[in-house]
């Protein structure tokens, strides 16, 4: 299979955000985690990769995950169905996909879609 997409991982400050008090977050099409500053942490990243590896194992699939050199992406351990590939450190934004405006565009489109869905 090609072109499969995972639900985005959204990181917020609160374990149970007030704005989603009466909403089942499992129905929003996201994976949710929390940290004090709404930042990715080593633990959140490791848990996310472990869940993805389990899913790939069940589906009998192997994938390559491209990562930048953020410190939270580094941890000890290997995965049966995921190969982690780290882009070279201090490379220009021309080869780092995340620096090509993907994050800004994704957040903008996602917020627009969520606002539209929640207002229905």
N, C-alpha and C. Protein backbone atom coordinates (compact mmCIF):
# COMPACT_ATOMS: atom_id res chain seq x y z
N UNK A 1 0.83 -1.19 0.00
CA UNK A 1 0.00 0.00 0.00
C UNK A 1 0.87 1.25 0.00
N UNK A 2 0.38 2.27 -0.64
CA UNK A 2 1.10 3.53 -0.67
C UNK A 2 0.14 4.65 -0.30
N UNK A 3 0.69 5.70 0.29
CA UNK A 3 -0.11 6.88 0.57
C UNK A 3 -1.00 6.79 1.78
N UNK A 4 -0.79 5.80 2.64
CA UNK A 4 -1.59 5.72 3.85
C UNK A 4 -1.25 6.89 4.77
N UNK A 5 -2.24 7.32 5.53
CA UNK A 5 -2.04 8.43 6.45
C UNK A 5 -2.45 8.02 7.85
N UNK A 6 -1.70 8.48 8.80
CA UNK A 6 -2.05 8.28 10.20
C UNK A 6 -2.77 9.53 10.69
N UNK A 7 -3.58 9.36 11.71
CA UNK A 7 -4.20 10.53 12.33
C UNK A 7 -3.09 11.37 12.95
N UNK A 8 -3.19 12.70 12.85
CA UNK A 8 -2.13 13.54 13.41
C UNK A 8 -2.07 13.44 14.93
N UNK A 9 -0.86 13.59 15.45
CA UNK A 9 -0.66 13.64 16.89
C UNK A 9 -0.73 15.10 17.30
N UNK A 10 -1.71 15.43 18.12
CA UNK A 10 -1.89 16.79 18.63
C UNK A 10 -1.43 16.80 20.08
N UNK A 11 -0.57 17.76 20.41
CA UNK A 11 -0.05 17.86 21.77
C UNK A 11 -0.57 19.14 22.39
N UNK A 12 -1.29 19.00 23.49
CA UNK A 12 -1.83 20.14 24.22
C UNK A 12 -1.25 20.19 25.62
N UNK A 13 -1.65 21.21 26.38
CA UNK A 13 -1.15 21.36 27.74
C UNK A 13 -1.87 20.47 28.74
N UNK A 14 -3.14 20.22 28.49
CA UNK A 14 -3.97 19.58 29.50
C UNK A 14 -4.33 18.15 29.12
N UNK A 15 -4.35 17.29 30.13
CA UNK A 15 -4.71 15.89 29.90
C UNK A 15 -6.14 15.79 29.38
N UNK A 16 -7.04 16.57 29.97
CA UNK A 16 -8.44 16.60 29.56
C UNK A 16 -8.83 18.05 29.28
N UNK A 17 -8.62 18.56 28.07
CA UNK A 17 -8.90 19.96 27.77
C UNK A 17 -10.37 20.32 28.00
N UNK A 18 -10.59 21.48 28.62
CA UNK A 18 -11.96 21.93 28.93
C UNK A 18 -12.80 22.08 27.67
N UNK A 19 -12.20 22.53 26.59
CA UNK A 19 -12.94 22.73 25.34
C UNK A 19 -13.49 21.44 24.74
N UNK A 20 -12.97 20.32 25.20
CA UNK A 20 -13.42 19.02 24.68
C UNK A 20 -14.13 18.21 25.76
N UNK A 21 -14.68 18.90 26.75
CA UNK A 21 -15.30 18.23 27.90
C UNK A 21 -16.39 17.25 27.49
N UNK A 22 -17.24 17.64 26.57
CA UNK A 22 -18.36 16.78 26.17
C UNK A 22 -18.15 16.14 24.81
N UNK A 23 -16.90 16.08 24.38
CA UNK A 23 -16.59 15.53 23.06
C UNK A 23 -15.67 14.33 23.22
N UNK A 24 -16.03 13.24 22.56
CA UNK A 24 -15.18 12.06 22.56
C UNK A 24 -14.03 12.31 21.59
N UNK A 25 -12.83 12.51 22.12
CA UNK A 25 -11.68 12.86 21.29
C UNK A 25 -11.31 11.75 20.32
N UNK A 26 -11.73 10.52 20.59
CA UNK A 26 -11.47 9.42 19.66
C UNK A 26 -12.21 9.61 18.34
N UNK A 27 -13.29 10.42 18.37
CA UNK A 27 -14.07 10.65 17.16
C UNK A 27 -13.58 11.85 16.36
N UNK A 28 -12.52 12.51 16.81
CA UNK A 28 -12.02 13.71 16.13
C UNK A 28 -10.99 13.40 15.05
N UNK A 29 -10.57 12.17 14.95
CA UNK A 29 -9.58 11.83 13.93
C UNK A 29 -8.19 12.30 14.28
N UNK A 30 -7.89 12.32 15.59
CA UNK A 30 -6.56 12.73 16.05
C UNK A 30 -6.06 11.75 17.09
N UNK A 31 -4.77 11.80 17.32
CA UNK A 31 -4.16 11.18 18.49
C UNK A 31 -3.80 12.35 19.39
N UNK A 32 -4.06 12.23 20.68
CA UNK A 32 -3.84 13.37 21.58
C UNK A 32 -2.88 12.98 22.70
N UNK A 33 -1.97 13.89 23.00
CA UNK A 33 -1.06 13.73 24.14
C UNK A 33 -0.93 15.10 24.79
N UNK A 34 -0.39 15.13 25.99
CA UNK A 34 -0.21 16.42 26.66
C UNK A 34 1.16 16.52 27.30
N UNK A 35 1.65 17.76 27.37
CA UNK A 35 2.87 18.09 28.09
C UNK A 35 2.72 19.51 28.61
N UNK A 36 3.51 19.87 29.62
CA UNK A 36 3.37 21.17 30.27
C UNK A 36 3.41 22.35 29.32
N UNK A 37 4.22 22.27 28.28
CA UNK A 37 4.36 23.39 27.35
C UNK A 37 3.77 23.08 25.97
N UNK A 38 3.01 22.02 25.88
CA UNK A 38 2.44 21.58 24.59
C UNK A 38 3.53 21.24 23.58
N UNK A 39 4.65 20.76 24.07
CA UNK A 39 5.77 20.40 23.20
C UNK A 39 5.89 18.88 23.13
N UNK A 40 6.49 18.42 22.05
CA UNK A 40 6.84 17.02 21.94
C UNK A 40 7.91 16.72 22.99
N UNK A 41 7.77 15.60 23.67
CA UNK A 41 8.77 15.15 24.62
C UNK A 41 9.28 13.79 24.16
N UNK A 42 10.39 13.37 24.74
CA UNK A 42 10.94 12.05 24.40
C UNK A 42 9.93 10.95 24.70
N UNK A 43 9.24 11.06 25.83
CA UNK A 43 8.27 10.04 26.21
C UNK A 43 7.08 10.01 25.25
N UNK A 44 6.54 11.17 24.90
CA UNK A 44 5.42 11.22 23.95
C UNK A 44 5.85 10.63 22.62
N UNK A 45 7.03 11.00 22.15
CA UNK A 45 7.51 10.49 20.87
C UNK A 45 7.70 8.98 20.91
N UNK A 46 8.33 8.50 21.97
CA UNK A 46 8.57 7.05 22.08
C UNK A 46 7.25 6.29 22.12
N UNK A 47 6.28 6.78 22.89
CA UNK A 47 4.97 6.11 22.95
C UNK A 47 4.28 6.11 21.59
N UNK A 48 4.39 7.22 20.87
CA UNK A 48 3.78 7.32 19.55
C UNK A 48 4.40 6.31 18.58
N UNK A 49 5.74 6.23 18.59
CA UNK A 49 6.43 5.29 17.69
C UNK A 49 6.11 3.85 18.09
N UNK A 50 6.03 3.57 19.38
CA UNK A 50 5.68 2.21 19.82
C UNK A 50 4.28 1.81 19.36
N UNK A 51 3.32 2.74 19.46
CA UNK A 51 1.96 2.44 18.98
C UNK A 51 1.95 2.22 17.46
N UNK A 52 2.69 3.06 16.75
CA UNK A 52 2.76 2.91 15.29
C UNK A 52 3.43 1.59 14.92
N UNK A 53 4.47 1.21 15.64
CA UNK A 53 5.15 -0.06 15.38
C UNK A 53 4.20 -1.24 15.62
N UNK A 54 3.42 -1.17 16.68
CA UNK A 54 2.45 -2.24 16.96
C UNK A 54 1.44 -2.36 15.83
N UNK A 55 0.95 -1.21 15.36
CA UNK A 55 -0.01 -1.23 14.26
C UNK A 55 0.62 -1.83 13.00
N UNK A 56 1.84 -1.43 12.69
CA UNK A 56 2.52 -1.96 11.51
C UNK A 56 2.78 -3.46 11.65
N UNK A 57 3.06 -3.90 12.86
CA UNK A 57 3.29 -5.32 13.11
C UNK A 57 2.02 -6.12 12.85
N UNK A 58 0.88 -5.64 13.36
CA UNK A 58 -0.40 -6.32 13.15
C UNK A 58 -0.73 -6.39 11.66
N UNK A 59 -0.41 -5.31 10.94
CA UNK A 59 -0.70 -5.25 9.51
C UNK A 59 0.38 -5.91 8.66
N UNK A 60 1.41 -6.46 9.33
CA UNK A 60 2.53 -7.11 8.65
C UNK A 60 3.18 -6.18 7.62
N UNK A 61 3.44 -4.95 8.07
CA UNK A 61 4.04 -3.94 7.20
C UNK A 61 5.30 -3.40 7.83
N UNK A 62 6.21 -2.95 6.99
CA UNK A 62 7.43 -2.29 7.46
C UNK A 62 7.46 -0.90 6.83
N UNK A 63 7.88 0.10 7.64
CA UNK A 63 7.93 1.47 7.14
C UNK A 63 9.25 2.13 7.52
N UNK A 64 9.55 3.19 6.80
CA UNK A 64 10.70 4.04 7.07
C UNK A 64 10.16 5.37 7.57
N UNK A 65 10.65 5.83 8.71
CA UNK A 65 10.21 7.09 9.29
C UNK A 65 11.36 8.08 9.21
N UNK A 66 11.16 9.17 8.45
CA UNK A 66 12.17 10.21 8.31
C UNK A 66 12.03 11.20 9.45
N UNK A 67 13.14 11.49 10.13
CA UNK A 67 13.11 12.37 11.29
C UNK A 67 14.18 13.44 11.19
N UNK A 68 13.88 14.61 11.78
CA UNK A 68 14.93 15.61 11.89
C UNK A 68 15.76 15.28 13.13
N UNK A 69 16.71 16.12 13.44
CA UNK A 69 17.63 15.80 14.53
C UNK A 69 17.22 16.43 15.86
N UNK A 70 15.93 16.62 16.09
CA UNK A 70 15.46 17.13 17.37
C UNK A 70 15.85 16.14 18.47
N UNK A 71 16.34 16.63 19.60
CA UNK A 71 16.78 15.73 20.68
C UNK A 71 15.71 14.75 21.15
N UNK A 72 14.44 15.13 21.10
CA UNK A 72 13.38 14.24 21.58
C UNK A 72 13.20 13.02 20.68
N UNK A 73 13.74 13.04 19.48
CA UNK A 73 13.60 11.92 18.56
C UNK A 73 14.61 10.80 18.82
N UNK A 74 15.59 11.06 19.67
CA UNK A 74 16.63 10.07 19.93
C UNK A 74 16.33 9.30 21.22
N UNK A 75 16.33 7.99 21.12
CA UNK A 75 16.19 7.14 22.30
C UNK A 75 16.72 5.76 21.95
N UNK A 76 17.05 5.01 22.97
CA UNK A 76 17.54 3.65 22.76
C UNK A 76 16.37 2.74 22.43
N UNK A 77 16.60 1.86 21.55
CA UNK A 77 15.57 0.89 21.22
C UNK A 77 15.45 0.70 19.72
N UNK A 78 15.01 -0.47 19.35
CA UNK A 78 14.78 -0.78 17.95
C UNK A 78 13.35 -1.27 17.80
N UNK A 79 12.85 -1.16 16.60
CA UNK A 79 11.48 -1.55 16.33
C UNK A 79 11.45 -2.59 15.24
N UNK A 80 10.55 -3.53 15.38
CA UNK A 80 10.48 -4.63 14.43
C UNK A 80 9.98 -4.19 13.06
N UNK A 81 9.14 -3.17 13.01
CA UNK A 81 8.50 -2.81 11.76
C UNK A 81 8.72 -1.36 11.34
N UNK A 82 9.54 -0.65 12.07
CA UNK A 82 9.84 0.74 11.71
C UNK A 82 11.35 0.93 11.71
N UNK A 83 11.84 1.49 10.62
CA UNK A 83 13.24 1.91 10.57
C UNK A 83 13.26 3.42 10.70
N UNK A 84 14.03 3.92 11.66
CA UNK A 84 14.16 5.36 11.86
C UNK A 84 15.35 5.86 11.05
N UNK A 85 15.13 6.88 10.25
CA UNK A 85 16.21 7.49 9.47
C UNK A 85 16.29 8.96 9.86
N UNK A 86 17.46 9.37 10.33
CA UNK A 86 17.66 10.75 10.77
C UNK A 86 18.32 11.56 9.67
N UNK A 87 17.71 12.67 9.32
CA UNK A 87 18.31 13.58 8.36
C UNK A 87 19.58 14.16 8.96
N UNK A 88 20.54 14.53 8.14
CA UNK A 88 21.80 15.06 8.67
C UNK A 88 21.57 16.32 9.51
N UNK A 89 22.32 16.46 10.61
CA UNK A 89 22.17 17.65 11.45
C UNK A 89 22.62 18.91 10.72
N UNK A 90 22.00 19.99 11.10
CA UNK A 90 22.35 21.33 10.58
C UNK A 90 22.29 21.40 9.06
N UNK A 91 21.38 20.64 8.48
CA UNK A 91 21.20 20.73 7.03
C UNK A 91 20.26 21.89 6.73
N UNK A 92 20.31 22.37 5.52
CA UNK A 92 19.46 23.50 5.16
C UNK A 92 18.01 23.09 5.11
N UNK A 93 17.14 24.08 5.15
CA UNK A 93 15.71 23.79 5.11
C UNK A 93 15.30 23.16 3.78
N UNK A 94 16.19 23.18 2.80
CA UNK A 94 15.86 22.60 1.49
C UNK A 94 15.70 21.09 1.55
N UNK A 95 16.33 20.43 2.52
CA UNK A 95 16.17 18.97 2.58
C UNK A 95 15.41 18.52 3.81
N UNK A 96 15.04 19.43 4.69
CA UNK A 96 14.25 19.04 5.86
C UNK A 96 12.78 19.31 5.57
N UNK A 97 12.00 18.26 5.32
CA UNK A 97 10.60 18.44 4.92
C UNK A 97 9.79 19.30 5.88
N UNK A 98 10.02 19.16 7.16
CA UNK A 98 9.23 19.91 8.14
C UNK A 98 9.49 21.41 8.02
N UNK A 99 10.68 21.81 7.60
CA UNK A 99 11.01 23.22 7.47
C UNK A 99 10.52 23.84 6.16
N UNK A 100 9.86 23.09 5.35
CA UNK A 100 9.37 23.60 4.07
C UNK A 100 7.99 24.24 4.19
N UNK A 101 7.55 24.55 5.40
CA UNK A 101 6.25 25.17 5.58
C UNK A 101 5.14 24.17 5.80
N UNK A 102 5.48 22.89 5.88
CA UNK A 102 4.47 21.86 6.06
C UNK A 102 3.72 22.05 7.37
N UNK A 103 4.44 22.32 8.44
CA UNK A 103 3.80 22.44 9.75
C UNK A 103 2.81 23.61 9.75
N UNK A 104 3.24 24.77 9.27
CA UNK A 104 2.36 25.94 9.24
C UNK A 104 1.12 25.67 8.39
N UNK A 105 1.32 25.12 7.21
CA UNK A 105 0.19 24.82 6.32
C UNK A 105 -0.75 23.80 6.95
N UNK A 106 -0.17 22.76 7.54
CA UNK A 106 -0.98 21.72 8.16
C UNK A 106 -1.83 22.30 9.29
N UNK A 107 -1.20 23.07 10.18
CA UNK A 107 -1.93 23.65 11.31
C UNK A 107 -3.06 24.55 10.82
N UNK A 108 -2.79 25.35 9.83
CA UNK A 108 -3.79 26.27 9.30
C UNK A 108 -4.98 25.51 8.71
N UNK A 109 -4.70 24.53 7.86
CA UNK A 109 -5.78 23.75 7.25
C UNK A 109 -6.52 22.91 8.29
N UNK A 110 -5.80 22.37 9.25
CA UNK A 110 -6.43 21.54 10.27
C UNK A 110 -7.37 22.37 11.14
N UNK A 111 -6.91 23.56 11.55
CA UNK A 111 -7.76 24.45 12.37
C UNK A 111 -9.02 24.85 11.60
N UNK A 112 -8.86 25.15 10.32
CA UNK A 112 -10.01 25.53 9.50
C UNK A 112 -11.01 24.37 9.43
N UNK A 113 -10.51 23.17 9.20
CA UNK A 113 -11.39 22.00 9.12
C UNK A 113 -12.06 21.68 10.45
N UNK A 114 -11.31 21.78 11.54
CA UNK A 114 -11.89 21.51 12.86
C UNK A 114 -12.96 22.54 13.20
N UNK A 115 -12.70 23.81 12.90
CA UNK A 115 -13.68 24.86 13.16
C UNK A 115 -14.96 24.59 12.38
N UNK A 116 -14.80 24.20 11.13
CA UNK A 116 -15.96 23.90 10.29
C UNK A 116 -16.73 22.70 10.85
N UNK A 117 -16.04 21.65 11.25
CA UNK A 117 -16.70 20.45 11.77
C UNK A 117 -17.37 20.69 13.11
N UNK A 118 -16.74 21.47 13.98
CA UNK A 118 -17.32 21.72 15.30
C UNK A 118 -18.50 22.68 15.24
N UNK A 119 -18.57 23.50 14.20
CA UNK A 119 -19.67 24.46 14.10
C UNK A 119 -20.91 23.85 13.45
N UNK A 120 -20.81 22.62 13.00
CA UNK A 120 -21.97 21.96 12.35
C UNK A 120 -22.93 21.45 13.38
